[in-house]
Amino acid sequence: MKNVIKINPDVMDDKRDALAVAWNEALRILMEDIGFTPEFQITPEQQSFLAGTAYADDPEAAAKTIVARIATFDTSIPNPTEEQVTETLRLLAMALELYGGQPDGQTLGRIKTELERVHGVEAPSGNNPPEAAPAPPEDPAREPPPEEGAPGTRNNEGGGEVMDAAALRKLPSNPSRDQIWALSRAVAKVLPGKGNADRFLYETAAAESQWGTHPDTFKNQGGIFQLDRVGFDDTQATQDHRKNLNRHYATIKKAFGIDWPKVKYEEISGSPLLGALAARLLIANKEPPIPADVIGRAKYWKDHYNSHHPNADGTVAKFLTRNGLEVPEEYKDPPKKKK
């Protein structure tokens, strides 16, 4: 039976063991539900321990059981690496964003705090991976932001405005960079799925339209995320394909009051929220997780996002340059030939 936790009777004599097993299984179900894929190397020692188990030939399942066991302080996983602990903390941070206000949220918080104390590793916030770039730079031309934590302005972690669904629906077609970052975070929080979605959405807005400032931004629709009709059509599930998107529609309806199957392509250029949701749903159809490093995300954009455009000519160099980042020598575009 799907998503039912069954406890081995052998552990029921110790309520602490039984509770740890329940949390272990619950975290694994959560990873499946939100599409969380841990990204780290499994050590030879751990591979030896998992040999002969159902995880031996399934690296993703092995990584997930490692995360779940680290979170429940299961010593059967020997010598977890700092990278593995950090990924575990990232999952717990995402879980807290989703369920922090519920009764189990208190337990999640205690697990996260104790894990940080025991391993001396600080948890990344939300979907931001350990290697992710910091929050987008402030626009020097705009007024200084309010003090962090001010109600209704910036969250208490910094990194963007706090905007509710009503405010997101009212965003102008050319929002500020801070607003695009807040939008990216909001959409990634509602549809967490693959980690790093917030960073990828923000960077895609830069790569596609220079955060809505390029003169061709609204040409032929597409808005700040410049999603073409082919890509948009891929976000609307039909009876015989893209069924995996159906589970996101109810979430979008609940969070933003938007009935996604009824959205028309022509609407997304005037609504940053619709554009961000379309971009997020497009990549939800892709199997590979979004990489934690910016070079990886540049390649991901080129292979899985920019490729939808009929005249796509995206490169890693363009993605990095449009995000104001230096291009490593090996990724620089060759000089154009003189006509």
C-alpha atoms as a PDB file:
ATOM      1  CA  MET A   1       0.000   0.000   0.000  1.00  0.00           C
ATOM      2  CA  LYS A   2       1.493   3.328  -1.095  1.00  0.00           C
ATOM      3  CA  ASN A   3       2.696   5.774   1.563  1.00  0.00           C
ATOM      4  CA  VAL A   4       1.839   3.503   4.489  1.00  0.00           C
ATOM      5  CA  ILE A   5       4.529   3.071   7.133  1.00  0.00           C
ATOM      6  CA  LYS A   6       4.911  -0.447   8.458  1.00  0.00           C
ATOM      7  CA  ILE A   7       7.005  -0.943  11.589  1.00  0.00           C
ATOM      8  CA  ASN A   8       9.004  -4.122  12.065  1.00  0.00           C
ATOM      9  CA  PRO A   9       7.527  -5.825  15.158  1.00  0.00           C
ATOM     10  CA  ASP A  10      11.070  -6.550  16.351  1.00  0.00           C
ATOM     11  CA  VAL A  11      11.586  -2.882  17.261  1.00  0.00           C
ATOM     12  CA  MET A  12       8.271  -2.334  19.035  1.00  0.00           C
ATOM     13  CA  ASP A  13       9.693  -3.266  22.440  1.00  0.00           C
ATOM     14  CA  ASP A  14      11.626   0.001  22.458  1.00  0.00           C
ATOM     15  CA  LYS A  15       9.412   2.977  21.723  1.00  0.00           C
ATOM     16  CA  ARG A  16      12.435   5.099  20.803  1.00  0.00           C
ATOM     17  CA  ASP A  17      13.537   2.572  18.175  1.00  0.00           C
ATOM     18  CA  ALA A  18      10.007   2.335  16.807  1.00  0.00           C
ATOM     19  CA  LEU A  19       9.731   6.124  16.580  1.00  0.00           C
ATOM     20  CA  ALA A  20      13.105   6.360  14.830  1.00  0.00           C
ATOM     21  CA  VAL A  21      11.981   3.774  12.275  1.00  0.00           C
ATOM     22  CA  ALA A  22       8.732   5.676  11.723  1.00  0.00           C
ATOM     23  CA  TRP A  23      10.615   8.933  11.122  1.00  0.00           C
ATOM     24  CA  ASN A  24      13.101   7.161   8.858  1.00  0.00           C
ATOM     25  CA  GLU A  25      10.295   5.870   6.655  1.00  0.00           C
ATOM     26  CA  ALA A  26       8.398   9.171   6.796  1.00  0.00           C
ATOM     27  CA  LEU A  27      11.437  11.070   5.536  1.00  0.00           C
ATOM     28  CA  ARG A  28      11.882   8.616   2.685  1.00  0.00           C
ATOM     29  CA  ILE A  29       8.229   9.081   1.706  1.00  0.00           C
ATOM     30  CA  LEU A  30       8.732  12.858   1.880  1.00  0.00           C
ATOM     31  CA  MET A  31      11.724  12.619  -0.477  1.00  0.00           C
ATOM     32  CA  GLU A  32       9.580  10.699  -2.957  1.00  0.00           C
ATOM     33  CA  ASP A  33       6.675  13.130  -2.644  1.00  0.00           C
ATOM     34  CA  ILE A  34       8.738  16.269  -3.260  1.00  0.00           C
ATOM     35  CA  GLY A  35      11.206  14.714  -5.681  1.00  0.00           C
ATOM     36  CA  PHE A  36      14.192  15.332  -3.424  1.00  0.00           C
ATOM     37  CA  THR A  37      17.316  13.637  -4.783  1.00  0.00           C
ATOM     38  CA  PRO A  38      20.360  13.776  -2.475  1.00  0.00           C
ATOM     39  CA  GLU A  39      23.537  14.742  -4.285  1.00  0.00           C
ATOM     40  CA  PHE A  40      26.694  13.318  -2.734  1.00  0.00           C
ATOM     41  CA  GLN A  41      29.247  10.547  -3.099  1.00  0.00           C
ATOM     42  CA  ILE A  42      28.653   7.290  -1.230  1.00  0.00           C
ATOM     43  CA  THR A  43      31.849   6.193   0.493  1.00  0.00           C
ATOM     44  CA  PRO A  44      33.392   2.752  -0.168  1.00  0.00           C
ATOM     45  CA  GLU A  45      32.737   1.892   3.487  1.00  0.00           C
ATOM     46  CA  GLN A  46      29.047   2.664   3.056  1.00  0.00           C
ATOM     47  CA  GLN A  47      28.880   0.789  -0.242  1.00  0.00           C
ATOM     48  CA  SER A  48      30.333  -2.235   1.516  1.00  0.00           C
ATOM     49  CA  PHE A  49      27.705  -1.958   4.258  1.00  0.00           C
ATOM     50  CA  LEU A  50      24.871  -1.714   1.693  1.00  0.00           C
ATOM     51  CA  ALA A  51      26.182  -4.607  -0.413  1.00  0.00           C
ATOM     52  CA  GLY A  52      23.645  -7.388  -0.586  1.00  0.00           C
ATOM     53  CA  THR A  53      20.740  -5.080   0.259  1.00  0.00           C
ATOM     54  CA  ALA A  54      18.029  -3.677  -2.008  1.00  0.00           C
ATOM     55  CA  TYR A  55      20.065  -0.458  -2.199  1.00  0.00           C
ATOM     56  CA  ALA A  56      23.227  -2.026  -3.612  1.00  0.00           C
ATOM     57  CA  ASP A  57      22.279  -1.495  -7.269  1.00  0.00           C
ATOM     58  CA  ASP A  58      20.191   1.650  -6.823  1.00  0.00           C
ATOM     59  CA  PRO A  59      22.430   4.671  -6.040  1.00  0.00           C
ATOM     60  CA  GLU A  60      19.495   7.076  -5.627  1.00  0.00           C
ATOM     61  CA  ALA A  61      17.682   4.787  -3.186  1.00  0.00           C
ATOM     62  CA  ALA A  62      20.978   4.242  -1.357  1.00  0.00           C
ATOM     63  CA  ALA A  63      21.499   8.003  -1.022  1.00  0.00           C
ATOM     64  CA  LYS A  64      17.970   8.435   0.294  1.00  0.00           C
ATOM     65  CA  THR A  65      18.330   5.737   2.925  1.00  0.00           C
ATOM     66  CA  ILE A  66      21.631   7.308   3.998  1.00  0.00           C
ATOM     67  CA  VAL A  67      19.901  10.683   4.431  1.00  0.00           C
ATOM     68  CA  ALA A  68      17.000   9.147   6.361  1.00  0.00           C
ATOM     69  CA  ARG A  69      19.380   7.240   8.652  1.00  0.00           C
ATOM     70  CA  ILE A  70      21.558  10.288   9.288  1.00  0.00           C
ATOM     71  CA  ALA A  71      18.444  12.266  10.224  1.00  0.00           C
ATOM     72  CA  THR A  72      17.398   9.595  12.724  1.00  0.00           C
ATOM     73  CA  PHE A  73      20.918   9.172  14.138  1.00  0.00           C
ATOM     74  CA  ASP A  74      21.058   5.583  12.923  1.00  0.00           C
ATOM     75  CA  THR A  75      24.631   4.394  13.491  1.00  0.00           C
ATOM     76  CA  SER A  76      24.286   1.672  10.853  1.00  0.00           C
ATOM     77  CA  ILE A  77      25.608   4.189   8.315  1.00  0.00           C
ATOM     78  CA  PRO A  78      29.292   4.500   9.187  1.00  0.00           C
ATOM     79  CA  ASN A  79      31.110   7.824   9.132  1.00  0.00           C
ATOM     80  CA  PRO A  80      28.718  10.122   7.234  1.00  0.00           C
ATOM     81  CA  THR A  81      30.565  12.803   5.294  1.00  0.00           C
ATOM     82  CA  GLU A  82      30.009  16.523   5.780  1.00  0.00           C
ATOM     83  CA  GLU A  83      28.425  16.624   2.318  1.00  0.00           C
ATOM     84  CA  GLN A  84      25.951  13.909   3.339  1.00  0.00           C
ATOM     85  CA  VAL A  85      25.076  15.686   6.572  1.00  0.00           C
ATOM     86  CA  THR A  86      24.575  18.953   4.704  1.00  0.00           C
ATOM     87  CA  GLU A  87      22.201  17.304   2.234  1.00  0.00           C
ATOM     88  CA  THR A  88      20.300  15.807   5.172  1.00  0.00           C
ATOM     89  CA  LEU A  89      20.011  19.247   6.731  1.00  0.00           C
ATOM     90  CA  ARG A  90      18.820  20.651   3.409  1.00  0.00           C
ATOM     91  CA  LEU A  91      16.008  18.092   3.369  1.00  0.00           C
ATOM     92  CA  LEU A  92      15.066  18.965   6.945  1.00  0.00           C
ATOM     93  CA  ALA A  93      15.063  22.684   6.087  1.00  0.00           C
ATOM     94  CA  MET A  94      12.705  22.016   3.170  1.00  0.00           C
ATOM     95  CA  ALA A  95      10.499  19.854   5.413  1.00  0.00           C
ATOM     96  CA  LEU A  96      10.337  22.670   7.947  1.00  0.00           C
ATOM     97  CA  GLU A  97       9.269  25.113   5.233  1.00  0.00           C
ATOM     98  CA  LEU A  98       6.431  22.749   4.340  1.00  0.00           C
ATOM     99  CA  TYR A  99       5.388  21.493   7.776  1.00  0.00           C
ATOM    100  CA  GLY A 100       6.963  23.824  10.309  1.00  0.00           C
ATOM    101  CA  GLY A 101       3.590  25.031  11.543  1.00  0.00           C
ATOM    102  CA  GLN A 102       2.257  21.529  12.146  1.00  0.00           C
ATOM    103  CA  PRO A 103       2.787  19.382  15.267  1.00  0.00           C
ATOM    104  CA  ASP A 104       5.529  17.307  13.644  1.00  0.00           C
ATOM    105  CA  GLY A 105       7.318  20.529  12.767  1.00  0.00           C
ATOM    106  CA  GLN A 106       8.586  20.796  16.342  1.00  0.00           C
ATOM    107  CA  THR A 107      10.194  17.372  16.060  1.00  0.00           C
ATOM    108  CA  LEU A 108      11.728  18.283  12.694  1.00  0.00           C
ATOM    109  CA  GLY A 109      13.185  21.397  14.268  1.00  0.00           C
ATOM    110  CA  ARG A 110      14.704  19.456  17.152  1.00  0.00           C
ATOM    111  CA  ILE A 111      16.197  16.879  14.777  1.00  0.00           C
ATOM    112  CA  LYS A 112      17.748  19.619  12.659  1.00  0.00           C
ATOM    113  CA  THR A 113      19.155  21.501  15.672  1.00  0.00           C
ATOM    114  CA  GLU A 114      20.662  18.366  17.199  1.00  0.00           C
ATOM    115  CA  LEU A 115      22.128  17.257  13.880  1.00  0.00           C
ATOM    116  CA  GLU A 116      23.814  20.652  13.463  1.00  0.00           C
ATOM    117  CA  ARG A 117      25.164  20.445  17.016  1.00  0.00           C
ATOM    118  CA  VAL A 118      26.490  16.900  16.733  1.00  0.00           C
ATOM    119  CA  HIS A 119      28.162  17.363  13.356  1.00  0.00           C
ATOM    120  CA  GLY A 120      29.039  21.050  13.559  1.00  0.00           C
ATOM    121  CA  VAL A 121      27.469  21.678  10.158  1.00  0.00           C
ATOM    122  CA  GLU A 122      25.123  24.568   9.450  1.00  0.00           C
ATOM    123  CA  ALA A 123      21.967  23.844   7.492  1.00  0.00           C
ATOM    124  CA  PRO A 124      21.418  25.586   4.157  1.00  0.00           C
ATOM    125  CA  SER A 125      18.124  27.484   4.000  1.00  0.00           C
ATOM    126  CA  GLY A 126      15.216  26.047   2.062  1.00  0.00           C
ATOM    127  CA  ASN A 127      16.032  24.939  -1.454  1.00  0.00           C
ATOM    128  CA  ASN A 128      19.396  26.690  -1.546  1.00  0.00           C
ATOM    129  CA  PRO A 129      22.115  24.012  -1.807  1.00  0.00           C
ATOM    130  CA  PRO A 130      25.442  24.356   0.007  1.00  0.00           C
ATOM    131  CA  GLU A 131      27.274  25.500  -3.126  1.00  0.00           C
ATOM    132  CA  ALA A 132      24.554  27.869  -4.335  1.00  0.00           C
ATOM    133  CA  ALA A 133      25.382  31.479  -4.930  1.00  0.00           C
ATOM    134  CA  PRO A 134      24.132  33.953  -2.313  1.00  0.00           C
ATOM    135  CA  ALA A 135      20.877  35.805  -2.742  1.00  0.00           C
ATOM    136  CA  PRO A 136      20.810  38.045  -5.827  1.00  0.00           C
ATOM    137  CA  PRO A 137      22.693  41.322  -5.482  1.00  0.00           C
ATOM    138  CA  GLU A 138      20.797  44.412  -4.544  1.00  0.00           C
ATOM    139  CA  ASP A 139      20.117  46.944  -7.260  1.00  0.00           C
ATOM    140  CA  PRO A 140      22.286  49.911  -6.207  1.00  0.00           C
ATOM    141  CA  ALA A 141      19.829  52.295  -7.820  1.00  0.00           C
ATOM    142  CA  ARG A 142      16.955  51.373  -5.555  1.00  0.00           C
ATOM    143  CA  GLU A 143      16.408  52.502  -2.000  1.00  0.00           C
ATOM    144  CA  PRO A 144      18.055  50.465   0.790  1.00  0.00           C
ATOM    145  CA  PRO A 145      15.867  47.542   1.835  1.00  0.00           C
ATOM    146  CA  PRO A 146      13.955  47.646   5.118  1.00  0.00           C
ATOM    147  CA  GLU A 147      15.548  46.075   8.145  1.00  0.00           C
ATOM    148  CA  GLU A 148      15.604  42.298   7.882  1.00  0.00           C
ATOM    149  CA  GLY A 149      12.673  40.669   9.630  1.00  0.00           C
ATOM    150  CA  ALA A 150      10.370  43.678   9.244  1.00  0.00           C
ATOM    151  CA  PRO A 151       6.796  42.348   8.937  1.00  0.00           C
ATOM    152  CA  GLY A 152       5.626  42.030   5.372  1.00  0.00           C
ATOM    153  CA  THR A 153       8.900  43.087   3.814  1.00  0.00           C
ATOM    154  CA  ARG A 154      11.878  40.766   4.064  1.00  0.00           C
ATOM    155  CA  ASN A 155      12.048  37.339   5.615  1.00  0.00           C
ATOM    156  CA  ASN A 156      14.121  36.808   8.714  1.00  0.00           C
ATOM    157  CA  GLU A 157      16.763  34.946   6.728  1.00  0.00           C
ATOM    158  CA  GLY A 158      17.212  37.787   4.257  1.00  0.00           C
ATOM    159  CA  GLY A 159      17.310  37.080   0.556  1.00  0.00           C
ATOM    160  CA  GLY A 160      14.181  38.686  -0.814  1.00  0.00           C
ATOM    161  CA  GLU A 161      10.779  40.179  -0.126  1.00  0.00           C
ATOM    162  CA  VAL A 162       8.057  38.155   1.557  1.00  0.00           C
ATOM    163  CA  MET A 163       5.171  38.151  -0.907  1.00  0.00           C
ATOM    164  CA  ASP A 164       1.848  36.398  -0.555  1.00  0.00           C
ATOM    165  CA  ALA A 165      -0.152  34.897  -3.417  1.00  0.00           C
ATOM    166  CA  ALA A 166      -2.209  38.052  -3.931  1.00  0.00           C
ATOM    167  CA  ALA A 167       0.926  40.194  -4.250  1.00  0.00           C
ATOM    168  CA  LEU A 168       2.521  37.708  -6.646  1.00  0.00           C
ATOM    169  CA  ARG A 169      -0.543  37.752  -8.886  1.00  0.00           C
ATOM    170  CA  LYS A 170      -0.347  41.551  -9.029  1.00  0.00           C
ATOM    171  CA  LEU A 171       3.324  41.781 -10.013  1.00  0.00           C
ATOM    172  CA  PRO A 172       3.899  44.033 -13.039  1.00  0.00           C
ATOM    173  CA  SER A 173       5.047  42.427 -16.274  1.00  0.00           C
ATOM    174  CA  ASN A 174       8.515  43.919 -15.670  1.00  0.00           C
ATOM    175  CA  PRO A 175       9.180  43.287 -11.952  1.00  0.00           C
ATOM    176  CA  SER A 176      12.388  44.259 -10.202  1.00  0.00           C
ATOM    177  CA  ARG A 177      15.186  41.762  -9.679  1.00  0.00           C
ATOM    178  CA  ASP A 178      14.304  41.501  -5.997  1.00  0.00           C
ATOM    179  CA  GLN A 179      10.712  40.741  -6.945  1.00  0.00           C
ATOM    180  CA  ILE A 180      11.850  38.085  -9.428  1.00  0.00           C
ATOM    181  CA  TRP A 181      13.937  36.473  -6.684  1.00  0.00           C
ATOM    182  CA  ALA A 182      10.979  36.566  -4.275  1.00  0.00           C
ATOM    183  CA  LEU A 183       8.799  35.069  -6.993  1.00  0.00           C
ATOM    184  CA  SER A 184      11.331  32.317  -7.711  1.00  0.00           C
ATOM    185  CA  ARG A 185      11.532  31.420  -4.036  1.00  0.00           C
ATOM    186  CA  ALA A 186       7.745  31.389  -3.643  1.00  0.00           C
ATOM    187  CA  VAL A 187       7.205  29.092  -6.620  1.00  0.00           C
ATOM    188  CA  ALA A 188      10.032  26.774  -5.554  1.00  0.00           C
ATOM    189  CA  LYS A 189       8.596  26.611  -2.041  1.00  0.00           C
ATOM    190  CA  VAL A 190       5.155  25.610  -3.297  1.00  0.00           C
ATOM    191  CA  LEU A 191       6.578  23.190  -5.865  1.00  0.00           C
ATOM    192  CA  PRO A 192       9.879  22.153  -4.243  1.00  0.00           C
ATOM    193  CA  GLY A 193      10.379  18.989  -6.280  1.00  0.00           C
ATOM    194  CA  LYS A 194      13.939  19.029  -7.497  1.00  0.00           C
ATOM    195  CA  GLY A 195      16.179  21.075  -5.232  1.00  0.00           C
ATOM    196  CA  ASN A 196      17.730  24.341  -6.438  1.00  0.00           C
ATOM    197  CA  ALA A 197      14.587  25.342  -8.349  1.00  0.00           C
ATOM    198  CA  ASP A 198      14.531  28.852  -6.905  1.00  0.00           C
ATOM    199  CA  ARG A 199      18.075  29.600  -7.998  1.00  0.00           C
ATOM    200  CA  PHE A 200      17.467  28.055 -11.412  1.00  0.00           C
ATOM    201  CA  LEU A 201      14.314  30.115 -12.021  1.00  0.00           C
ATOM    202  CA  TYR A 202      16.049  33.359 -11.059  1.00  0.00           C
ATOM    203  CA  GLU A 203      19.072  32.589 -13.222  1.00  0.00           C
ATOM    204  CA  THR A 204      16.837  31.542 -16.130  1.00  0.00           C
ATOM    205  CA  ALA A 205      15.072  34.903 -15.993  1.00  0.00           C
ATOM    206  CA  ALA A 206      18.494  36.506 -16.374  1.00  0.00           C
ATOM    207  CA  ALA A 207      19.606  34.210 -19.183  1.00  0.00           C
ATOM    208  CA  GLU A 208      16.360  34.518 -21.114  1.00  0.00           C
ATOM    209  CA  SER A 209      15.425  38.185 -20.717  1.00  0.00           C
ATOM    210  CA  GLN A 210      18.026  39.929 -18.557  1.00  0.00           C
ATOM    211  CA  TRP A 211      15.446  39.847 -15.741  1.00  0.00           C
ATOM    212  CA  GLY A 212      12.806  41.384 -17.970  1.00  0.00           C
ATOM    213  CA  THR A 213      14.884  44.328 -19.201  1.00  0.00           C
ATOM    214  CA  HIS A 214      15.782  43.067 -22.681  1.00  0.00           C
ATOM    215  CA  PRO A 215      13.848  44.915 -25.411  1.00  0.00           C
ATOM    216  CA  ASP A 216      12.617  41.611 -26.876  1.00  0.00           C
ATOM    217  CA  THR A 217      11.360  40.316 -23.528  1.00  0.00           C
ATOM    218  CA  PHE A 218       7.682  40.367 -24.471  1.00  0.00           C
ATOM    219  CA  LYS A 219       8.102  39.777 -28.174  1.00  0.00           C
ATOM    220  CA  ASN A 220       5.966  36.835 -29.320  1.00  0.00           C
ATOM    221  CA  GLN A 221       4.823  36.299 -25.713  1.00  0.00           C
ATOM    222  CA  GLY A 222       6.929  34.407 -23.191  1.00  0.00           C
ATOM    223  CA  GLY A 223       7.510  37.168 -20.645  1.00  0.00           C
ATOM    224  CA  ILE A 224      10.577  37.293 -18.439  1.00  0.00           C
ATOM    225  CA  PHE A 225      11.097  33.516 -18.677  1.00  0.00           C
ATOM    226  CA  GLN A 226      10.740  33.529 -22.484  1.00  0.00           C
ATOM    227  CA  LEU A 227       8.961  30.178 -22.575  1.00  0.00           C
ATOM    228  CA  ASP A 228       7.751  29.379 -26.085  1.00  0.00           C
ATOM    229  CA  ARG A 229       4.486  27.660 -26.967  1.00  0.00           C
ATOM    230  CA  VAL A 230       6.103  24.242 -27.334  1.00  0.00           C
ATOM    231  CA  GLY A 231       7.527  24.461 -23.836  1.00  0.00           C
ATOM    232  CA  PHE A 232       4.249  25.790 -22.447  1.00  0.00           C
ATOM    233  CA  ASP A 233       2.294  22.935 -24.005  1.00  0.00           C
ATOM    234  CA  ASP A 234       4.595  20.553 -22.163  1.00  0.00           C
ATOM    235  CA  THR A 235       3.301  21.953 -18.868  1.00  0.00           C
ATOM    236  CA  GLN A 236      -0.295  20.970 -19.513  1.00  0.00           C
ATOM    237  CA  ALA A 237      -0.798  17.263 -18.979  1.00  0.00           C
ATOM    238  CA  THR A 238      -2.999  15.294 -21.332  1.00  0.00           C
ATOM    239  CA  GLN A 239      -4.637  11.952 -20.862  1.00  0.00           C
ATOM    240  CA  ASP A 240      -1.839   9.915 -22.387  1.00  0.00           C
ATOM    241  CA  HIS A 241       1.337  11.775 -21.426  1.00  0.00           C
ATOM    242  CA  ARG A 242       2.905  14.110 -18.861  1.00  0.00           C
ATOM    243  CA  LYS A 243       0.657  12.575 -16.215  1.00  0.00           C
ATOM    244  CA  ASN A 244       3.276  13.319 -13.563  1.00  0.00           C
ATOM    245  CA  LEU A 245       2.284  16.989 -13.689  1.00  0.00           C
ATOM    246  CA  ASN A 246      -1.267  16.338 -12.530  1.00  0.00           C
ATOM    247  CA  ARG A 247      -0.153  16.174  -8.907  1.00  0.00           C
ATOM    248  CA  HIS A 248       1.142  19.752  -9.137  1.00  0.00           C
ATOM    249  CA  TYR A 249      -2.107  21.268 -10.379  1.00  0.00           C
ATOM    250  CA  ALA A 250      -3.991  20.905  -7.097  1.00  0.00           C
ATOM    251  CA  THR A 251      -1.018  22.422  -5.257  1.00  0.00           C
ATOM    252  CA  ILE A 252      -0.986  25.424  -7.590  1.00  0.00           C
ATOM    253  CA  LYS A 253      -4.740  25.856  -7.209  1.00  0.00           C
ATOM    254  CA  LYS A 254      -4.490  25.779  -3.412  1.00  0.00           C
ATOM    255  CA  ALA A 255      -1.468  28.091  -3.170  1.00  0.00           C
ATOM    256  CA  PHE A 256      -2.239  30.641  -5.881  1.00  0.00           C
ATOM    257  CA  GLY A 257      -5.887  30.104  -6.844  1.00  0.00           C
ATOM    258  CA  ILE A 258      -4.847  29.245 -10.413  1.00  0.00           C
ATOM    259  CA  ASP A 259      -6.466  26.428 -12.383  1.00  0.00           C
ATOM    260  CA  TRP A 260      -3.420  25.580 -14.476  1.00  0.00           C
ATOM    261  CA  PRO A 261      -5.050  23.458 -17.228  1.00  0.00           C
ATOM    262  CA  LYS A 262      -7.204  26.519 -18.072  1.00  0.00           C
ATOM    263  CA  VAL A 263      -4.270  28.924 -18.397  1.00  0.00           C
ATOM    264  CA  LYS A 264      -3.622  30.108 -21.961  1.00  0.00           C
ATOM    265  CA  TYR A 265      -0.165  30.627 -23.405  1.00  0.00           C
ATOM    266  CA  GLU A 266      -0.996  34.233 -24.291  1.00  0.00           C
ATOM    267  CA  GLU A 267      -1.458  35.026 -20.588  1.00  0.00           C
ATOM    268  CA  ILE A 268       2.046  34.244 -19.379  1.00  0.00           C
ATOM    269  CA  SER A 269       3.842  37.234 -20.923  1.00  0.00           C
ATOM    270  CA  GLY A 270       1.829  39.677 -18.797  1.00  0.00           C
ATOM    271  CA  SER A 271       2.025  37.665 -15.579  1.00  0.00           C
ATOM    272  CA  PRO A 272       5.414  36.884 -14.008  1.00  0.00           C
ATOM    273  CA  LEU A 273       3.688  34.405 -11.680  1.00  0.00           C
ATOM    274  CA  LEU A 274       2.213  32.438 -14.575  1.00  0.00           C
ATOM    275  CA  GLY A 275       5.563  32.584 -16.355  1.00  0.00           C
ATOM    276  CA  ALA A 276       7.435  31.290 -13.299  1.00  0.00           C
ATOM    277  CA  LEU A 277       4.923  28.482 -12.811  1.00  0.00           C
ATOM    278  CA  ALA A 278       5.215  27.522 -16.484  1.00  0.00           C
ATOM    279  CA  ALA A 279       9.011  27.473 -16.246  1.00  0.00           C
ATOM    280  CA  ARG A 280       8.859  25.404 -13.046  1.00  0.00           C
ATOM    281  CA  LEU A 281       6.388  22.895 -14.524  1.00  0.00           C
ATOM    282  CA  LEU A 282       8.497  22.560 -17.667  1.00  0.00           C
ATOM    283  CA  ILE A 283      11.546  21.435 -15.697  1.00  0.00           C
ATOM    284  CA  ALA A 284       9.362  19.230 -13.487  1.00  0.00           C
ATOM    285  CA  ASN A 285       9.009  17.057 -16.595  1.00  0.00           C
ATOM    286  CA  LYS A 286      12.757  16.518 -16.789  1.00  0.00           C
ATOM    287  CA  GLU A 287      14.337  13.500 -15.154  1.00  0.00           C
ATOM    288  CA  PRO A 288      17.739  14.864 -14.076  1.00  0.00           C
ATOM    289  CA  PRO A 289      17.744  16.909 -10.850  1.00  0.00           C
ATOM    290  CA  ILE A 290      18.785  20.543 -11.039  1.00  0.00           C
ATOM    291  CA  PRO A 291      22.511  20.738 -10.252  1.00  0.00           C
ATOM    292  CA  ALA A 292      23.733  22.504  -7.146  1.00  0.00           C
ATOM    293  CA  ASP A 293      26.550  24.364  -8.933  1.00  0.00           C
ATOM    294  CA  VAL A 294      26.049  27.220 -11.359  1.00  0.00           C
ATOM    295  CA  ILE A 295      28.050  25.594 -14.183  1.00  0.00           C
ATOM    296  CA  GLY A 296      25.815  22.553 -13.855  1.00  0.00           C
ATOM    297  CA  ARG A 297      22.719  24.741 -13.943  1.00  0.00           C
ATOM    298  CA  ALA A 298      24.032  26.514 -17.042  1.00  0.00           C
ATOM    299  CA  LYS A 299      24.364  23.160 -18.809  1.00  0.00           C
ATOM    300  CA  TYR A 300      20.942  22.119 -17.503  1.00  0.00           C
ATOM    301  CA  TRP A 301      19.399  25.306 -18.901  1.00  0.00           C
ATOM    302  CA  LYS A 302      20.994  24.712 -22.286  1.00  0.00           C
ATOM    303  CA  ASP A 303      19.939  21.042 -22.472  1.00  0.00           C
ATOM    304  CA  HIS A 304      16.504  21.112 -20.868  1.00  0.00           C
ATOM    305  CA  TYR A 305      15.135  24.649 -21.120  1.00  0.00           C
ATOM    306  CA  ASN A 306      16.706  26.701 -23.868  1.00  0.00           C
ATOM    307  CA  SER A 307      16.444  23.724 -26.233  1.00  0.00           C
ATOM    308  CA  HIS A 308      12.678  24.274 -26.483  1.00  0.00           C
ATOM    309  CA  HIS A 309      13.157  27.482 -28.453  1.00  0.00           C
ATOM    310  CA  PRO A 310      13.064  27.009 -32.255  1.00  0.00           C
ATOM    311  CA  ASN A 311      16.174  29.178 -32.682  1.00  0.00           C
ATOM    312  CA  ALA A 312      17.865  28.122 -29.453  1.00  0.00           C
ATOM    313  CA  ASP A 313      21.524  29.066 -29.371  1.00  0.00           C
ATOM    314  CA  GLY A 314      22.130  29.074 -25.650  1.00  0.00           C
ATOM    315  CA  THR A 315      25.545  28.217 -24.269  1.00  0.00           C
ATOM    316  CA  VAL A 316      27.069  27.894 -20.843  1.00  0.00           C
ATOM    317  CA  ALA A 317      28.954  31.126 -21.495  1.00  0.00           C
ATOM    318  CA  LYS A 318      25.782  33.044 -22.316  1.00  0.00           C
ATOM    319  CA  PHE A 319      24.038  31.769 -19.195  1.00  0.00           C
ATOM    320  CA  LEU A 320      26.930  32.818 -16.982  1.00  0.00           C
ATOM    321  CA  THR A 321      27.503  36.164 -18.697  1.00  0.00           C
ATOM    322  CA  ARG A 322      23.832  37.113 -18.503  1.00  0.00           C
ATOM    323  CA  ASN A 323      23.936  36.337 -14.797  1.00  0.00           C
ATOM    324  CA  GLY A 324      26.920  38.633 -14.353  1.00  0.00           C
ATOM    325  CA  LEU A 325      29.343  35.791 -13.685  1.00  0.00           C
ATOM    326  CA  GLU A 326      32.831  35.163 -14.983  1.00  0.00           C
ATOM    327  CA  VAL A 327      33.118  32.478 -17.662  1.00  0.00           C
ATOM    328  CA  PRO A 328      35.864  29.880 -17.080  1.00  0.00           C
ATOM    329  CA  GLU A 329      38.230  29.531 -20.004  1.00  0.00           C
ATOM    330  CA  GLU A 330      36.986  26.059 -20.971  1.00  0.00           C
ATOM    331  CA  TYR A 331      33.416  27.318 -21.352  1.00  0.00           C
ATOM    332  CA  LYS A 332      34.059  30.473 -23.349  1.00  0.00           C
ATOM    333  CA  ASP A 333      32.347  30.629 -26.729  1.00  0.00           C
ATOM    334  CA  PRO A 334      34.646  30.535 -29.746  1.00  0.00           C
ATOM    335  CA  PRO A 335      35.115  33.918 -31.444  1.00  0.00           C
ATOM    336  CA  LYS A 336      32.673  34.618 -34.234  1.00  0.00           C
ATOM    337  CA  LYS A 337      34.038  34.273 -37.718  1.00  0.00           C
ATOM    338  CA  LYS A 338      34.297  37.482 -39.664  1.00  0.00           C
ATOM    339  CA  LYS A 339      32.039  37.624 -42.681  1.00  0.00           C
END
